[in-house]
Amino acid sequence: MSDGEFLNDALELISFRIGDQEFCLDIMAVREIRGWTVATPLPHSPPYVRGVINLRGAVLPILDLKARLGLGVAEPSARSVIIVVHIGKRLVGLLVDGVSEILAAERASVQPTPNVGCDSVGQFVRGIIAMEGRMISWIALDEILPDETDAEAA
């Protein structure tokens, strides 16, 4: 059990920006980071799904993470990037404003998401990391597409 605890103490995260806010996710879930590519819209998709792009012959869905987190709709620019991540067994592209850096943090430094009377905050944010005067929200990737991951588990 101590070996597992030791392995779980250190976190390696990639931080990114959405508007003026900073977020991060586990770097082990990241497959690649690409420049913004216009996505082909899909009919009747949720508002946070920008569409799909061709990623080396595979169809990759692109999610507007700003819209998915309830922070408005992203307006992609030349500086916008797509973070290609594994969510369950699927590859998904997350549209963000830009990638900042790779962070090393201790699991003990992750503060619980504050209870603000709204379940959806805790649904998408695994915890808060206070680092160098910054407050960085750690995104719970497994909650970004809950229906698909639930279907795979069944």
Protein backbone atom coordinates (compact mmCIF):
# COMPACT_ATOMS: atom_id res chain seq x y z
CA MET A 1 0.00 0.00 0.00
CA SER A 2 2.86 2.40 0.67
CA ASP A 3 4.13 1.90 -2.90
CA GLY A 4 0.76 3.00 -4.27
CA GLU A 5 0.68 5.98 -1.96
CA PHE A 6 4.18 6.98 -3.08
CA LEU A 7 3.19 6.77 -6.74
CA ASN A 8 0.08 8.85 -6.10
CA ASP A 9 1.84 11.64 -4.16
CA ALA A 10 3.43 13.37 -7.17
CA LEU A 11 1.27 14.92 -9.87
CA GLU A 12 2.41 16.01 -13.30
CA LEU A 13 -0.15 18.34 -14.81
CA ILE A 14 -0.42 20.49 -17.90
CA SER A 15 -1.89 23.93 -17.34
CA PHE A 16 -3.92 25.90 -19.86
CA ARG A 17 -5.99 29.05 -20.08
CA ILE A 18 -9.64 29.64 -20.80
CA GLY A 19 -10.22 33.38 -20.74
CA ASP A 20 -8.55 34.78 -17.62
CA GLN A 21 -8.81 31.51 -15.71
CA GLU A 22 -6.18 28.81 -15.43
CA PHE A 23 -6.96 25.11 -15.43
CA CYS A 24 -4.93 21.93 -15.50
CA LEU A 25 -5.31 18.25 -16.23
CA ASP A 26 -3.25 15.12 -15.73
CA ILE A 27 -0.49 15.06 -18.33
CA MET A 28 -0.82 11.29 -18.67
CA ALA A 29 -4.21 11.81 -20.35
CA VAL A 30 -2.70 14.11 -23.01
CA ARG A 31 -1.81 12.56 -26.35
CA GLU A 32 -0.81 15.74 -28.18
CA ILE A 33 -1.34 19.48 -28.48
CA ARG A 34 -2.29 20.93 -31.88
CA GLY A 35 -3.00 24.33 -33.29
CA TRP A 36 -6.61 25.32 -33.84
CA THR A 37 -8.25 23.74 -36.88
CA VAL A 38 -11.78 24.64 -37.97
CA ALA A 39 -14.10 21.76 -37.07
CA THR A 40 -16.90 20.42 -39.23
CA PRO A 41 -20.16 20.86 -37.27
CA LEU A 42 -22.33 17.84 -36.45
CA PRO A 43 -26.11 18.22 -36.59
CA HIS A 44 -28.03 17.95 -33.29
CA SER A 45 -24.85 17.81 -31.20
CA PRO A 46 -24.70 19.46 -27.76
CA PRO A 47 -23.77 23.17 -27.81
CA TYR A 48 -20.27 22.46 -26.43
CA VAL A 49 -19.38 20.13 -29.34
CA ARG A 50 -17.66 22.25 -32.01
CA GLY A 51 -17.68 19.41 -34.52
CA VAL A 52 -15.03 16.99 -35.80
CA ILE A 53 -11.63 17.19 -37.44
CA ASN A 54 -9.49 14.68 -39.30
CA LEU A 55 -6.59 13.56 -37.11
CA ARG A 56 -4.34 11.42 -39.30
CA GLY A 57 -7.30 9.59 -40.82
CA ALA A 58 -9.36 9.34 -37.62
CA VAL A 59 -12.43 11.43 -36.86
CA LEU A 60 -11.76 13.45 -33.69
CA PRO A 61 -14.61 15.22 -31.88
CA ILE A 62 -13.71 18.74 -30.69
CA LEU A 63 -15.26 20.04 -27.47
CA ASP A 64 -15.36 23.71 -26.57
CA LEU A 65 -14.14 23.36 -22.98
CA LYS A 66 -15.16 26.93 -22.20
CA ALA A 67 -18.76 26.12 -23.16
CA ARG A 68 -18.67 22.73 -21.42
CA LEU A 69 -17.62 24.39 -18.17
CA GLY A 70 -20.40 26.98 -18.48
CA LEU A 71 -18.04 29.93 -19.06
CA GLY A 72 -19.46 31.11 -22.40
CA VAL A 73 -18.56 30.15 -25.96
CA ALA A 74 -14.95 30.20 -27.16
CA GLU A 75 -13.98 32.40 -30.07
CA PRO A 76 -10.98 30.55 -31.51
CA SER A 77 -7.98 32.60 -32.61
CA ALA A 78 -4.56 31.82 -34.05
CA ARG A 79 -3.33 31.30 -30.46
CA SER A 80 -6.06 28.77 -29.59
CA VAL A 81 -5.04 25.13 -29.30
CA ILE A 82 -6.63 21.72 -29.23
CA ILE A 83 -5.45 19.43 -26.45
CA VAL A 84 -6.02 15.84 -27.62
CA VAL A 85 -6.84 13.73 -24.55
CA HIS A 86 -7.94 10.24 -23.64
CA ILE A 87 -11.31 10.23 -21.91
CA GLY A 88 -12.01 6.64 -21.06
CA LYS A 89 -11.18 4.74 -24.25
CA ARG A 90 -11.97 7.68 -26.54
CA LEU A 91 -9.77 10.38 -28.01
CA VAL A 92 -11.29 13.84 -27.78
CA GLY A 93 -9.96 17.30 -28.65
CA LEU A 94 -10.45 20.09 -26.10
CA LEU A 95 -10.47 23.63 -27.47
CA VAL A 96 -8.68 26.01 -25.07
CA ASP A 97 -7.20 29.51 -25.38
CA GLY A 98 -3.62 28.36 -24.87
CA VAL A 99 -1.33 25.97 -23.02
CA SER A 100 0.76 27.53 -20.25
CA GLU A 101 3.21 25.03 -18.77
CA ILE A 102 3.83 21.63 -17.23
CA LEU A 103 3.34 21.68 -13.47
CA ALA A 104 4.72 19.38 -10.80
CA ALA A 105 2.62 19.32 -7.65
CA GLU A 106 2.14 17.14 -4.61
CA ARG A 107 -1.25 15.51 -4.22
CA ALA A 108 -1.40 16.99 -0.71
CA SER A 109 -1.31 20.49 -2.22
CA VAL A 110 -4.64 19.92 -3.99
CA GLN A 111 -7.39 21.65 -2.04
CA PRO A 112 -10.93 20.28 -2.24
CA THR A 113 -13.37 22.09 -4.49
CA PRO A 114 -15.26 24.55 -2.29
CA ASN A 115 -18.94 23.89 -1.70
CA VAL A 116 -20.68 26.81 -3.40
CA GLY A 117 -24.18 25.33 -3.35
CA CYS A 118 -23.94 24.02 -6.91
CA ASP A 119 -23.17 20.38 -7.71
CA SER A 120 -21.88 21.13 -11.22
CA VAL A 121 -18.80 22.97 -9.87
CA GLY A 122 -17.61 19.84 -8.08
CA GLN A 123 -18.60 17.70 -11.05
CA PHE A 124 -16.02 19.25 -13.39
CA VAL A 125 -13.35 20.43 -10.93
CA ARG A 126 -11.41 17.73 -9.07
CA GLY A 127 -9.66 20.26 -6.83
CA ILE A 128 -7.87 23.59 -6.64
CA ILE A 129 -4.09 23.99 -6.66
CA ALA A 130 -2.66 27.18 -5.18
CA MET A 131 0.76 27.68 -6.75
CA GLU A 132 2.96 30.79 -6.99
CA GLY A 133 0.04 33.11 -6.25
CA ARG A 134 -2.19 31.40 -8.83
CA MET A 135 -5.37 29.42 -8.31
CA ILE A 136 -5.49 26.55 -10.80
CA SER A 137 -8.60 24.37 -11.16
CA TRP A 138 -7.84 20.69 -11.81
CA ILE A 139 -10.32 19.44 -14.42
CA ALA A 140 -12.01 16.06 -13.89
CA LEU A 141 -11.71 14.70 -17.44
CA ASP A 142 -13.86 11.67 -16.66
CA GLU A 143 -16.82 14.04 -16.16
CA ILE A 144 -16.44 15.93 -19.46
CA LEU A 145 -18.26 13.16 -21.38
CA PRO A 146 -20.14 11.29 -18.64
CA ASP A 147 -22.64 9.59 -20.95
CA GLU A 148 -20.00 8.01 -23.20
CA THR A 149 -17.85 6.75 -20.34
CA ASP A 150 -20.92 5.33 -18.55
CA ALA A 151 -21.95 3.54 -21.75
CA GLU A 152 -18.47 2.02 -22.12
CA ALA A 153 -18.52 0.76 -18.53
CA ALA A 154 -21.84 -1.07 -19.09
